[in-house]
Protein backbone atom coordinates (compact mmCIF):
# COMPACT_ATOMS: atom_id res chain seq x y z
CA UNK A 1 17.03 6.83 26.04
CA UNK A 2 17.98 3.07 26.44
CA UNK A 3 15.56 0.35 25.56
CA UNK A 4 12.53 0.52 26.80
CA UNK A 5 9.31 -2.27 26.52
CA UNK A 6 6.43 -0.81 25.66
CA UNK A 7 2.65 -3.55 25.91
CA UNK A 8 -0.01 -0.44 26.63
CA UNK A 9 -0.30 3.06 24.92
CA UNK A 10 -0.07 5.10 28.20
CA UNK A 11 3.43 3.59 28.02
CA UNK A 12 3.85 5.06 24.63
CA UNK A 13 3.06 8.70 25.72
CA UNK A 14 5.31 8.50 29.01
CA UNK A 15 8.28 7.19 26.65
CA UNK A 16 7.57 10.14 23.82
CA UNK A 17 7.38 12.73 26.60
CA UNK A 18 10.54 11.34 27.81
CA UNK A 19 12.62 11.42 24.87
CA UNK A 20 11.27 15.41 24.33
CA UNK A 21 12.14 16.08 27.54
CA UNK A 22 15.80 14.68 27.15
CA UNK A 23 16.51 16.32 23.70
CA UNK A 24 15.14 19.64 25.31
CA UNK A 25 16.60 19.99 28.37
CA UNK A 26 19.55 17.45 28.37
CA UNK A 27 20.80 18.01 25.14
CA UNK A 28 20.93 21.98 23.69
CA UNK A 29 22.88 20.92 20.67
CA UNK A 30 19.84 19.21 19.47
CA UNK A 31 17.44 20.53 21.83
CA UNK A 32 15.13 21.93 18.65
CA UNK A 33 14.62 18.28 17.67
CA UNK A 34 12.03 17.47 20.70
CA UNK A 35 8.81 18.49 18.72
CA UNK A 36 9.75 16.03 16.33
CA UNK A 37 11.04 13.56 17.93
CA UNK A 38 7.66 13.29 20.41
CA UNK A 39 5.61 12.96 17.27
CA UNK A 40 7.75 10.84 15.86
CA UNK A 41 7.73 8.79 18.94
CA UNK A 42 3.92 8.66 19.60
CA UNK A 43 3.35 7.54 15.85
CA UNK A 44 5.32 5.14 15.21
CA UNK A 45 5.20 3.18 18.96
CA UNK A 46 1.51 3.72 18.55
CA UNK A 47 1.67 2.06 15.57
CA UNK A 48 3.71 -0.62 16.98
CA UNK A 49 1.42 -1.02 19.98
CA UNK A 50 -1.61 -1.60 17.76
CA UNK A 51 -0.19 -2.89 14.71
CA UNK A 52 2.17 -5.48 16.15
CA UNK A 53 0.70 -6.77 19.05
CA UNK A 54 2.32 -8.99 20.70
CA UNK A 55 3.02 -10.89 24.30
CA UNK A 56 6.46 -9.15 24.69
CA UNK A 57 5.42 -5.94 23.41
CA UNK A 58 7.26 -3.30 21.55
CA UNK A 59 10.61 -1.81 21.79
CA UNK A 60 12.50 1.86 21.64
CA UNK A 61 15.56 3.67 21.95
CA UNK A 62 16.60 7.40 21.03
CA UNK A 63 20.37 7.52 20.35
CA UNK A 64 22.30 11.10 19.93
CA UNK A 65 25.52 11.15 17.72
CA UNK A 66 27.17 14.75 17.05
CA UNK A 67 29.38 14.05 14.28
CA UNK A 68 29.55 14.32 11.31
CA UNK A 69 26.55 16.72 12.05
CA UNK A 70 24.29 16.73 15.35
CA UNK A 71 21.16 14.03 15.13
CA UNK A 72 19.37 11.99 16.43
CA UNK A 73 17.88 8.51 15.74
CA UNK A 74 14.97 6.91 16.94
CA UNK A 75 14.78 3.37 16.77
CA UNK A 76 11.18 0.88 17.26
CA UNK A 77 10.58 -2.69 16.99
CA UNK A 78 7.85 -5.22 17.41
CA UNK A 79 7.70 -8.73 16.87
CA UNK A 80 3.98 -8.61 15.70
CA UNK A 81 2.63 -10.04 11.87
CA UNK A 82 4.32 -6.96 10.38
CA UNK A 83 3.48 -4.10 7.99
CA UNK A 84 2.67 -5.71 5.05
CA UNK A 85 0.55 -9.00 6.36
CA UNK A 86 -1.59 -6.40 8.15
CA UNK A 87 -1.80 -3.35 5.53
CA UNK A 88 -2.99 -6.94 3.04
CA UNK A 89 -5.92 -6.93 5.29
CA UNK A 90 -7.47 -4.31 4.22
CA UNK A 91 -5.83 -4.14 0.92
CA UNK A 92 -5.18 -7.64 -0.59
CA UNK A 93 -3.63 -6.29 -4.16
CA UNK A 94 -0.56 -5.00 -2.38
CA UNK A 95 1.20 -8.17 -2.84
CA UNK A 96 4.78 -6.80 -2.52
CA UNK A 97 6.24 -6.16 0.67
CA UNK A 98 8.22 -3.07 0.22
CA UNK A 99 5.58 -1.19 -1.73
CA UNK A 100 2.97 -2.70 0.75
CA UNK A 101 5.33 -0.71 3.45
CA UNK A 102 5.80 2.28 1.59
CA UNK A 103 1.67 2.91 0.68
CA UNK A 104 1.23 2.19 4.50
CA UNK A 105 2.62 5.11 5.53
CA UNK A 106 0.39 7.57 3.04
CA UNK A 107 -1.97 9.42 4.64
CA UNK A 108 -5.67 7.99 4.63
CA UNK A 109 -4.41 4.39 4.58
CA UNK A 110 -4.49 2.19 7.43
CA UNK A 111 -4.90 -1.05 8.61
CA UNK A 112 -7.69 0.05 11.35
CA UNK A 113 -11.17 1.24 11.17
CA UNK A 114 -10.20 3.92 13.93
CA UNK A 115 -10.75 7.43 12.50
CA UNK A 116 -8.28 9.07 13.78
CA UNK A 117 -5.53 6.90 12.83
CA UNK A 118 -4.16 6.47 8.80
CA UNK A 119 -2.87 10.11 9.55
CA UNK A 120 0.14 9.01 7.56
CA UNK A 121 4.12 10.13 8.47
CA UNK A 122 3.89 13.47 6.66
CA UNK A 123 2.79 14.84 10.08
CA UNK A 124 6.17 13.59 11.63
CA UNK A 125 8.31 14.61 8.76
CA UNK A 126 6.72 18.46 8.74
CA UNK A 127 7.54 18.41 12.44
CA UNK A 128 10.75 17.54 11.53
CA UNK A 129 10.83 19.72 9.06
CA UNK A 130 9.93 23.15 11.02
CA UNK A 131 12.63 22.39 13.86
CA UNK A 132 15.86 23.66 12.03
CA UNK A 133 16.62 20.36 10.39
CA UNK A 134 18.35 19.49 7.28
CA UNK A 135 17.18 15.77 6.39
CA UNK A 136 14.77 13.44 8.49
CA UNK A 137 15.20 9.71 7.47
CA UNK A 138 13.25 6.76 8.26
CA UNK A 139 14.21 2.96 7.30
CA UNK A 140 11.37 0.24 7.78
CA UNK A 141 12.29 -3.21 7.55
CA UNK A 142 8.83 -5.58 7.44
CA UNK A 143 8.75 -9.20 6.61
CA UNK A 144 10.73 -9.29 3.05
CA UNK A 145 10.33 -5.33 2.61
CA UNK A 146 12.32 -2.28 3.15
CA UNK A 147 11.81 1.12 2.37
CA UNK A 148 13.32 4.08 3.12
CA UNK A 149 11.06 7.48 3.42
CA UNK A 150 13.69 10.48 3.30
CA UNK A 151 13.06 14.10 3.23
CA UNK A 152 15.86 16.60 2.43
CA UNK A 153 15.29 20.31 2.28
CA UNK A 154 11.60 19.31 1.46
CA UNK A 155 11.81 17.09 -0.97
CA UNK A 156 10.67 14.10 -0.42
CA UNK A 157 12.15 10.33 -1.81
CA UNK A 158 10.70 7.28 -0.94
CA UNK A 159 12.96 3.78 -1.86
CA UNK A 160 12.18 0.66 -1.90
CA UNK A 161 14.32 -2.66 -1.77
CA UNK A 162 13.54 -6.29 -0.93
CA UNK A 163 14.62 -7.19 2.37
CA UNK A 164 17.85 -9.57 2.32
CA UNK A 165 16.20 -12.00 4.67
CA UNK A 166 12.50 -12.41 5.68
CA UNK A 167 12.53 -10.42 8.88
CA UNK A 168 9.23 -11.15 11.52
CA UNK A 169 7.75 -8.22 12.98
CA UNK A 170 9.03 -4.63 11.73
CA UNK A 171 12.39 -2.62 13.07
CA UNK A 172 12.59 1.32 12.59
CA UNK A 173 14.95 3.53 12.44
CA UNK A 174 13.96 7.60 12.35
CA UNK A 175 16.91 10.14 11.51
CA UNK A 176 16.36 13.40 12.27
CA UNK A 177 19.40 15.29 11.32
CA UNK A 178 20.36 18.73 12.22
CA UNK A 179 21.49 21.84 10.36
């Protein structure tokens, strides 16, 4: 899917549905990843619209590669205040940008008062791992922090590193690797 701009929640659902349809109907080699891609696109793009509010909107794209393994990569970005700054509005003690990003992905952690938010990325990774996948990996770059969350053969791993330089907004790639 080419780079697509989203400014409203209705556009998020359309992008998520389009992503799932592309995978399930046009790409038979990665069609089992359709539901996982829908879940990831819905959650990550809703976060970008909600938390990354900006006049330019949020952007998403999807890419498929077949070598060395079948893989779908979802990319989402926005130029909002960034995950660390947003999450520190509720958790000011989370001063390290990389760890603030990591904590923000946990279940029951939300920077909003919406009771339907803060489900974490466990449901996104669960959807991936029940869809004939070998691995799921998400890289999140925001402000001065970088966080990589990987699940390989059902074992989660979190890596936190400083970013090479400060970056406004949030930049996410989510890789679904098929067996």
